[in-house]
Amino acid sequence: MNPIVTVQDAVTAFADYMEPTDAELDAIDREMPVILADIDLLDAHIATLDRTPTELDERRLRRARRRALAARVELVNSVDSGVVA
């Protein structure tokens, strides 16, 4: 008979080593405006899934697309120019 053991020790044994590094956290912070803009765009798309988009929905989608694109452009420009906020 094989004893039933948990894998908790195996999973948590390396928990300290699995934390993100400071550089990874900084990269996430730099990309956060893009992530939030993409979330807004996704929310705008989800709102129109079960109905025909109204004029207000179309404006919301256009604004969300522009914000997402602007956030991406700003991120790329800050990385290209070497400016890290």
PDB file of N, CA and C in Angstrom:
ATOM      1  N   MET A   1       0.844  -1.162   0.000  1.00  0.00           N
ATOM      2  CA  MET A   1       0.000   0.000   0.000  1.00  0.00           C
ATOM      3  C   MET A   1       0.896   1.234   0.000  1.00  0.00           C
ATOM      4  N   ASN A   2       0.580   2.171  -0.871  1.00  0.00           N
ATOM      5  CA  ASN A   2       1.328   3.423  -0.946  1.00  0.00           C
ATOM      6  C   ASN A   2       0.663   4.463  -0.064  1.00  0.00           C
ATOM      7  N   PRO A   3       1.431   5.099   0.801  1.00  0.00           N
ATOM      8  CA  PRO A   3       0.826   6.135   1.642  1.00  0.00           C
ATOM      9  C   PRO A   3       0.493   7.370   0.803  1.00  0.00           C
ATOM     10  N   ILE A   4      -0.564   8.038   1.171  1.00  0.00           N
ATOM     11  CA  ILE A   4      -0.955   9.266   0.497  1.00  0.00           C
ATOM     12  C   ILE A   4      -0.221  10.416   1.185  1.00  0.00           C
ATOM     13  N   VAL A   5       0.564  11.123   0.418  1.00  0.00           N
ATOM     14  CA  VAL A   5       1.305  12.258   0.964  1.00  0.00           C
ATOM     15  C   VAL A   5       0.933  13.504   0.173  1.00  0.00           C
ATOM     16  N   THR A   6       1.052  14.615   0.810  1.00  0.00           N
ATOM     17  CA  THR A   6       0.764  15.868   0.108  1.00  0.00           C
ATOM     18  C   THR A   6       2.029  16.363  -0.571  1.00  0.00           C
ATOM     19  N   VAL A   7       1.828  17.159  -1.549  1.00  0.00           N
ATOM     20  CA  VAL A   7       2.964  17.749  -2.254  1.00  0.00           C
ATOM     21  C   VAL A   7       3.229  19.162  -1.753  1.00  0.00           C
ATOM     22  N   GLN A   8       2.641  19.519  -0.629  1.00  0.00           N
ATOM     23  CA  GLN A   8       2.802  20.867  -0.090  1.00  0.00           C
ATOM     24  C   GLN A   8       4.260  21.217   0.139  1.00  0.00           C
ATOM     25  N   ASP A   9       5.025  20.288   0.719  1.00  0.00           N
ATOM     26  CA  ASP A   9       6.444  20.572   0.966  1.00  0.00           C
ATOM     27  C   ASP A   9       7.195  20.763  -0.337  1.00  0.00           C
ATOM     28  N   ALA A  10       6.880  19.961  -1.328  1.00  0.00           N
ATOM     29  CA  ALA A  10       7.560  20.085  -2.617  1.00  0.00           C
ATOM     30  C   ALA A  10       7.194  21.388  -3.310  1.00  0.00           C
ATOM     31  N   VAL A  11       5.954  21.811  -3.173  1.00  0.00           N
ATOM     32  CA  VAL A  11       5.507  23.035  -3.834  1.00  0.00           C
ATOM     33  C   VAL A  11       6.048  24.270  -3.135  1.00  0.00           C
ATOM     34  N   THR A  12       6.015  24.284  -1.824  1.00  0.00           N
ATOM     35  CA  THR A  12       6.435  25.478  -1.086  1.00  0.00           C
ATOM     36  C   THR A  12       7.919  25.498  -0.763  1.00  0.00           C
ATOM     37  N   ALA A  13       8.624  24.444  -1.083  1.00  0.00           N
ATOM     38  CA  ALA A  13      10.050  24.402  -0.764  1.00  0.00           C
ATOM     39  C   ALA A  13      10.818  25.493  -1.502  1.00  0.00           C
ATOM     40  N   PHE A  14      10.370  25.838  -2.697  1.00  0.00           N
ATOM     41  CA  PHE A  14      11.072  26.838  -3.492  1.00  0.00           C
ATOM     42  C   PHE A  14      10.318  28.157  -3.564  1.00  0.00           C
ATOM     43  N   ALA A  15       9.377  28.379  -2.678  1.00  0.00           N
ATOM     44  CA  ALA A  15       8.555  29.585  -2.734  1.00  0.00           C
ATOM     45  C   ALA A  15       9.396  30.853  -2.645  1.00  0.00           C
ATOM     46  N   ASP A  16      10.421  30.870  -1.816  1.00  0.00           N
ATOM     47  CA  ASP A  16      11.258  32.061  -1.698  1.00  0.00           C
ATOM     48  C   ASP A  16      11.987  32.368  -3.001  1.00  0.00           C
ATOM     49  N   TYR A  17      12.312  31.342  -3.745  1.00  0.00           N
ATOM     50  CA  TYR A  17      13.055  31.527  -4.977  1.00  0.00           C
ATOM     51  C   TYR A  17      12.138  31.838  -6.154  1.00  0.00           C
ATOM     52  N   MET A  18      10.856  31.669  -5.982  1.00  0.00           N
ATOM     53  CA  MET A  18       9.926  31.876  -7.078  1.00  0.00           C
ATOM     54  C   MET A  18       9.356  33.294  -7.094  1.00  0.00           C
ATOM     55  N   GLU A  19       9.728  34.120  -6.155  1.00  0.00           N
ATOM     56  CA  GLU A  19       9.257  35.496  -6.121  1.00  0.00           C
ATOM     57  C   GLU A  19       9.866  36.275  -7.282  1.00  0.00           C
ATOM     58  N   PRO A  20       9.125  37.250  -7.831  1.00  0.00           N
ATOM     59  CA  PRO A  20       9.692  38.052  -8.916  1.00  0.00           C
ATOM     60  C   PRO A  20      10.834  38.922  -8.407  1.00  0.00           C
ATOM     61  N   THR A  21      11.782  39.130  -9.270  1.00  0.00           N
ATOM     62  CA  THR A  21      12.924  39.975  -8.909  1.00  0.00           C
ATOM     63  C   THR A  21      12.509  41.439  -8.961  1.00  0.00           C
ATOM     64  N   ASP A  22      13.364  42.297  -8.439  1.00  0.00           N
ATOM     65  CA  ASP A  22      13.082  43.735  -8.490  1.00  0.00           C
ATOM     66  C   ASP A  22      12.996  44.221  -9.930  1.00  0.00           C
ATOM     67  N   ALA A  23      13.826  43.684 -10.802  1.00  0.00           N
ATOM     68  CA  ALA A  23      13.796  44.077 -12.208  1.00  0.00           C
ATOM     69  C   ALA A  23      12.476  43.668 -12.863  1.00  0.00           C
ATOM     70  N   GLU A  24      11.984  42.490 -12.528  1.00  0.00           N
ATOM     71  CA  GLU A  24      10.702  42.042 -13.079  1.00  0.00           C
ATOM     72  C   GLU A  24       9.551  42.901 -12.570  1.00  0.00           C
ATOM     73  N   LEU A  25       9.585  43.264 -11.302  1.00  0.00           N
ATOM     74  CA  LEU A  25       8.548  44.133 -10.748  1.00  0.00           C
ATOM     75  C   LEU A  25       8.592  45.520 -11.380  1.00  0.00           C
ATOM     76  N   ASP A  26       9.799  46.022 -11.634  1.00  0.00           N
ATOM     77  CA  ASP A  26       9.938  47.319 -12.307  1.00  0.00           C
ATOM     78  C   ASP A  26       9.379  47.258 -13.721  1.00  0.00           C
ATOM     79  N   ALA A  27       9.625  46.153 -14.420  1.00  0.00           N
ATOM     80  CA  ALA A  27       9.100  45.990 -15.774  1.00  0.00           C
ATOM     81  C   ALA A  27       7.571  45.953 -15.757  1.00  0.00           C
ATOM     82  N   ILE A  28       6.998  45.299 -14.775  1.00  0.00           N
ATOM     83  CA  ILE A  28       5.536  45.256 -14.655  1.00  0.00           C
ATOM     84  C   ILE A  28       4.999  46.651 -14.386  1.00  0.00           C
ATOM     85  N   ASP A  29       5.676  47.405 -13.530  1.00  0.00           N
ATOM     86  CA  ASP A  29       5.245  48.779 -13.241  1.00  0.00           C
ATOM     87  C   ASP A  29       5.297  49.652 -14.490  1.00  0.00           C
ATOM     88  N   ARG A  30       6.343  49.482 -15.312  1.00  0.00           N
ATOM     89  CA  ARG A  30       6.445  50.256 -16.544  1.00  0.00           C
ATOM     90  C   ARG A  30       5.336  49.888 -17.523  1.00  0.00           C
ATOM     91  N   GLU A  31       4.937  48.620 -17.535  1.00  0.00           N
ATOM     92  CA  GLU A  31       3.914  48.157 -18.475  1.00  0.00           C
ATOM     93  C   GLU A  31       2.492  48.313 -17.945  1.00  0.00           C
ATOM     94  N   MET A  32       2.332  48.742 -16.702  1.00  0.00           N
ATOM     95  CA  MET A  32       0.996  48.832 -16.103  1.00  0.00           C
ATOM     96  C   MET A  32       0.031  49.730 -16.874  1.00  0.00           C
ATOM     97  N   PRO A  33       0.439  50.896 -17.404  1.00  0.00           N
ATOM     98  CA  PRO A  33      -0.517  51.691 -18.196  1.00  0.00           C
ATOM     99  C   PRO A  33      -1.037  50.924 -19.422  1.00  0.00           C
ATOM    100  N   VAL A  34      -0.184  50.140 -20.049  1.00  0.00           N
ATOM    101  CA  VAL A  34      -0.616  49.335 -21.199  1.00  0.00           C
ATOM    102  C   VAL A  34      -1.591  48.255 -20.743  1.00  0.00           C
ATOM    103  N   ILE A  35      -1.295  47.626 -19.637  1.00  0.00           N
ATOM    104  CA  ILE A  35      -2.160  46.566 -19.115  1.00  0.00           C
ATOM    105  C   ILE A  35      -3.536  47.139 -18.774  1.00  0.00           C
ATOM    106  N   LEU A  36      -3.573  48.268 -18.103  1.00  0.00           N
ATOM    107  CA  LEU A  36      -4.851  48.877 -17.726  1.00  0.00           C
ATOM    108  C   LEU A  36      -5.633  49.343 -18.949  1.00  0.00           C
ATOM    109  N   ALA A  37      -4.941  49.881 -19.954  1.00  0.00           N
ATOM    110  CA  ALA A  37      -5.622  50.298 -21.186  1.00  0.00           C
ATOM    111  C   ALA A  37      -6.189  49.090 -21.921  1.00  0.00           C
ATOM    112  N   ASP A  38      -5.462  47.991 -21.921  1.00  0.00           N
ATOM    113  CA  ASP A  38      -5.979  46.769 -22.553  1.00  0.00           C
ATOM    114  C   ASP A  38      -7.192  46.224 -21.801  1.00  0.00           C
ATOM    115  N   ILE A  39      -7.186  46.354 -20.503  1.00  0.00           N
ATOM    116  CA  ILE A  39      -8.345  45.920 -19.709  1.00  0.00           C
ATOM    117  C   ILE A  39      -9.566  46.771 -20.056  1.00  0.00           C
ATOM    118  N   ASP A  40      -9.378  48.081 -20.188  1.00  0.00           N
ATOM    119  CA  ASP A  40     -10.490  48.956 -20.580  1.00  0.00           C
ATOM    120  C   ASP A  40     -11.022  48.584 -21.960  1.00  0.00           C
ATOM    121  N   LEU A  41     -10.119  48.285 -22.882  1.00  0.00           N
ATOM    122  CA  LEU A  41     -10.534  47.885 -24.226  1.00  0.00           C
ATOM    123  C   LEU A  41     -11.305  46.569 -24.181  1.00  0.00           C
ATOM    124  N   LEU A  42     -10.825  45.634 -23.409  1.00  0.00           N
ATOM    125  CA  LEU A  42     -11.520  44.360 -23.263  1.00  0.00           C
ATOM    126  C   LEU A  42     -12.899  44.557 -22.639  1.00  0.00           C
ATOM    127  N   ASP A  43     -12.992  45.413 -21.643  1.00  0.00           N
ATOM    128  CA  ASP A  43     -14.290  45.712 -21.027  1.00  0.00           C
ATOM    129  C   ASP A  43     -15.261  46.309 -22.043  1.00  0.00           C
ATOM    130  N   ALA A  44     -14.751  47.192 -22.898  1.00  0.00           N
ATOM    131  CA  ALA A  44     -15.606  47.796 -23.920  1.00  0.00           C
ATOM    132  C   ALA A  44     -16.110  46.747 -24.904  1.00  0.00           C
ATOM    133  N   HIS A  45     -15.238  45.812 -25.269  1.00  0.00           N
ATOM    134  CA  HIS A  45     -15.653  44.730 -26.176  1.00  0.00           C
ATOM    135  C   HIS A  45     -16.674  43.809 -25.502  1.00  0.00           C
ATOM    136  N   ILE A  46     -16.434  43.478 -24.270  1.00  0.00           N
ATOM    137  CA  ILE A  46     -17.344  42.579 -23.547  1.00  0.00           C
ATOM    138  C   ILE A  46     -18.733  43.204 -23.425  1.00  0.00           C
ATOM    139  N   ALA A  47     -18.787  44.509 -23.220  1.00  0.00           N
ATOM    140  CA  ALA A  47     -20.075  45.181 -23.065  1.00  0.00           C
ATOM    141  C   ALA A  47     -20.933  45.083 -24.316  1.00  0.00           C
ATOM    142  N   THR A  48     -20.317  44.865 -25.465  1.00  0.00           N
ATOM    143  CA  THR A  48     -21.077  44.821 -26.718  1.00  0.00           C
ATOM    144  C   THR A  48     -21.261  43.412 -27.261  1.00  0.00           C
ATOM    145  N   LEU A  49     -20.900  42.400 -26.498  1.00  0.00           N
ATOM    146  CA  LEU A  49     -21.000  41.030 -27.000  1.00  0.00           C
ATOM    147  C   LEU A  49     -22.428  40.569 -27.246  1.00  0.00           C
ATOM    148  N   ASP A  50     -23.329  40.912 -26.367  1.00  0.00           N
ATOM    149  CA  ASP A  50     -24.670  40.358 -26.459  1.00  0.00           C
ATOM    150  C   ASP A  50     -25.696  41.326 -27.037  1.00  0.00           C
ATOM    151  N   ARG A  51     -25.219  42.410 -27.641  1.00  0.00           N
ATOM    152  CA  ARG A  51     -26.151  43.358 -28.243  1.00  0.00           C
ATOM    153  C   ARG A  51     -25.467  44.089 -29.387  1.00  0.00           C
ATOM    154  N   THR A  52     -26.275  44.737 -30.176  1.00  0.00           N
ATOM    155  CA  THR A  52     -25.735  45.563 -31.249  1.00  0.00           C
ATOM    156  C   THR A  52     -25.151  46.832 -30.632  1.00  0.00           C
ATOM    157  N   PRO A  53     -23.904  47.159 -30.965  1.00  0.00           N
ATOM    158  CA  PRO A  53     -23.285  48.346 -30.349  1.00  0.00           C
ATOM    159  C   PRO A  53     -24.044  49.629 -30.706  1.00  0.00           C
ATOM    160  N   THR A  54     -24.285  50.437 -29.713  1.00  0.00           N
ATOM    161  CA  THR A  54     -24.903  51.744 -29.929  1.00  0.00           C
ATOM    162  C   THR A  54     -23.810  52.745 -30.294  1.00  0.00           C
ATOM    163  N   GLU A  55     -24.225  53.954 -30.588  1.00  0.00           N
ATOM    164  CA  GLU A  55     -23.243  54.994 -30.901  1.00  0.00           C
ATOM    165  C   GLU A  55     -22.331  55.248 -29.707  1.00  0.00           C
ATOM    166  N   LEU A  56     -22.905  55.200 -28.521  1.00  0.00           N
ATOM    167  CA  LEU A  56     -22.113  55.381 -27.308  1.00  0.00           C
ATOM    168  C   LEU A  56     -21.095  54.243 -27.141  1.00  0.00           C
ATOM    169  N   ASP A  57     -21.511  53.010 -27.440  1.00  0.00           N
ATOM    170  CA  ASP A  57     -20.591  51.870 -27.371  1.00  0.00           C
ATOM    171  C   ASP A  57     -19.449  52.030 -28.369  1.00  0.00           C
ATOM    172  N   GLU A  58     -19.784  52.487 -29.567  1.00  0.00           N
ATOM    173  CA  GLU A  58     -18.743  52.665 -30.588  1.00  0.00           C
ATOM    174  C   GLU A  58     -17.741  53.740 -30.166  1.00  0.00           C
ATOM    175  N   ARG A  59     -18.240  54.813 -29.550  1.00  0.00           N
ATOM    176  CA  ARG A  59     -17.319  55.848 -29.049  1.00  0.00           C
ATOM    177  C   ARG A  59     -16.432  55.296 -27.937  1.00  0.00           C
ATOM    178  N   ARG A  60     -17.034  54.512 -27.058  1.00  0.00           N
ATOM    179  CA  ARG A  60     -16.256  53.906 -25.961  1.00  0.00           C
ATOM    180  C   ARG A  60     -15.176  52.987 -26.520  1.00  0.00           C
ATOM    181  N   LEU A  61     -15.506  52.210 -27.547  1.00  0.00           N
ATOM    182  CA  LEU A  61     -14.516  51.323 -28.175  1.00  0.00           C
ATOM    183  C   LEU A  61     -13.394  52.132 -28.824  1.00  0.00           C
ATOM    184  N   ARG A  62     -13.774  53.190 -29.560  1.00  0.00           N
ATOM    185  CA  ARG A  62     -12.742  54.016 -30.203  1.00  0.00           C
ATOM    186  C   ARG A  62     -11.817  54.647 -29.183  1.00  0.00           C
ATOM    187  N   ARG A  63     -12.393  55.185 -28.096  1.00  0.00           N
ATOM    188  CA  ARG A  63     -11.564  55.795 -27.041  1.00  0.00           C
ATOM    189  C   ARG A  63     -10.641  54.768 -26.403  1.00  0.00           C
ATOM    190  N   ALA A  64     -11.175  53.590 -26.148  1.00  0.00           N
ATOM    191  CA  ALA A  64     -10.365  52.537 -25.522  1.00  0.00           C
ATOM    192  C   ALA A  64      -9.237  52.108 -26.453  1.00  0.00           C
ATOM    193  N   ARG A  65      -9.523  51.993 -27.747  1.00  0.00           N
ATOM    194  CA  ARG A  65      -8.466  51.644 -28.710  1.00  0.00           C
ATOM    195  C   ARG A  65      -7.384  52.718 -28.748  1.00  0.00           C
ATOM    196  N   ARG A  66      -7.816  53.982 -28.765  1.00  0.00           N
ATOM    197  CA  ARG A  66      -6.831  55.083 -28.791  1.00  0.00           C
ATOM    198  C   ARG A  66      -5.976  55.098 -27.534  1.00  0.00           C
ATOM    199  N   ARG A  67      -6.605  54.876 -26.372  1.00  0.00           N
ATOM    200  CA  ARG A  67      -5.836  54.849 -25.115  1.00  0.00           C
ATOM    201  C   ARG A  67      -4.847  53.684 -25.110  1.00  0.00           C
ATOM    202  N   ALA A  68      -5.282  52.522 -25.600  1.00  0.00           N
ATOM    203  CA  ALA A  68      -4.394  51.360 -25.629  1.00  0.00           C
ATOM    204  C   ALA A  68      -3.214  51.620 -26.558  1.00  0.00           C
ATOM    205  N   LEU A  69      -3.502  52.183 -27.717  1.00  0.00           N
ATOM    206  CA  LEU A  69      -2.429  52.478 -28.663  1.00  0.00           C
ATOM    207  C   LEU A  69      -1.485  53.540 -28.099  1.00  0.00           C
ATOM    208  N   ALA A  70      -2.041  54.579 -27.494  1.00  0.00           N
ATOM    209  CA  ALA A  70      -1.209  55.643 -26.921  1.00  0.00           C
ATOM    210  C   ALA A  70      -0.325  55.101 -25.800  1.00  0.00           C
ATOM    211  N   ALA A  71      -0.867  54.210 -24.985  1.00  0.00           N
ATOM    212  CA  ALA A  71      -0.077  53.630 -23.900  1.00  0.00           C
ATOM    213  C   ALA A  71       1.066  52.785 -24.458  1.00  0.00           C
ATOM    214  N   ARG A  72       0.782  52.033 -25.515  1.00  0.00           N
ATOM    215  CA  ARG A  72       1.845  51.228 -26.135  1.00  0.00           C
ATOM    216  C   ARG A  72       2.920  52.116 -26.747  1.00  0.00           C
ATOM    217  N   VAL A  73       2.498  53.171 -27.433  1.00  0.00           N
ATOM    218  CA  VAL A  73       3.463  54.089 -28.055  1.00  0.00           C
ATOM    219  C   VAL A  73       4.331  54.739 -26.981  1.00  0.00           C
ATOM    220  N   GLU A  74       3.710  55.169 -25.898  1.00  0.00           N
ATOM    221  CA  GLU A  74       4.468  55.793 -24.816  1.00  0.00           C
ATOM    222  C   GLU A  74       5.482  54.823 -24.210  1.00  0.00           C
ATOM    223  N   LEU A  75       5.074  53.570 -24.037  1.00  0.00           N
ATOM    224  CA  LEU A  75       5.988  52.568 -23.489  1.00  0.00           C
ATOM    225  C   LEU A  75       7.168  52.332 -24.430  1.00  0.00           C
ATOM    226  N   VAL A  76       6.877  52.176 -25.706  1.00  0.00           N
ATOM    227  CA  VAL A  76       7.945  51.932 -26.681  1.00  0.00           C
ATOM    228  C   VAL A  76       8.878  53.127 -26.758  1.00  0.00           C
ATOM    229  N   ASN A  77       8.324  54.324 -26.765  1.00  0.00           N
ATOM    230  CA  ASN A  77       9.166  55.517 -26.840  1.00  0.00           C
ATOM    231  C   ASN A  77      10.026  55.676 -25.593  1.00  0.00           C
ATOM    232  N   SER A  78       9.488  55.338 -24.425  1.00  0.00           N
ATOM    233  CA  SER A  78      10.296  55.481 -23.218  1.00  0.00           C
ATOM    234  C   SER A  78      11.406  54.440 -23.166  1.00  0.00           C
ATOM    235  N   VAL A  79      11.152  53.253 -23.703  1.00  0.00           N
ATOM    236  CA  VAL A  79      12.194  52.224 -23.744  1.00  0.00           C
ATOM    237  C   VAL A  79      13.250  52.588 -24.785  1.00  0.00           C
ATOM    238  N   ASP A  80      12.806  53.078 -25.962  1.00  0.00           N
ATOM    239  CA  ASP A  80      13.749  53.445 -27.017  1.00  0.00           C
ATOM    240  C   ASP A  80      14.639  54.614 -26.637  1.00  0.00           C
ATOM    241  N   SER A  81      14.088  55.585 -25.910  1.00  0.00           N
ATOM    242  CA  SER A  81      14.868  56.756 -25.546  1.00  0.00           C
ATOM    243  C   SER A  81      15.721  56.515 -24.302  1.00  0.00           C
ATOM    244  N   GLY A  82      15.515  55.371 -23.669  1.00  0.00           N
ATOM    245  CA  GLY A  82      16.296  55.058 -22.492  1.00  0.00           C
ATOM    246  C   GLY A  82      15.737  55.653 -21.215  1.00  0.00           C
ATOM    247  N   VAL A  83      14.631  56.357 -21.330  1.00  0.00           N
ATOM    248  CA  VAL A  83      13.994  56.957 -20.152  1.00  0.00           C
ATOM    249  C   VAL A  83      13.118  55.904 -19.519  1.00  0.00           C
ATOM    250  N   VAL A  84      13.434  55.565 -18.299  1.00  0.00           N
ATOM    251  CA  VAL A  84      12.634  54.583 -17.579  1.00  0.00           C
ATOM    252  C   VAL A  84      11.984  55.294 -16.421  1.00  0.00           C
ATOM    253  N   ALA A  85      10.662  55.401 -16.498  1.00  0.00           N
ATOM    254  CA  ALA A  85       9.935  56.135 -15.458  1.00  0.00           C
ATOM    255  C   ALA A  85       9.767  55.325 -14.219  1.00  0.00           C
TER     256      ALA A  85
END
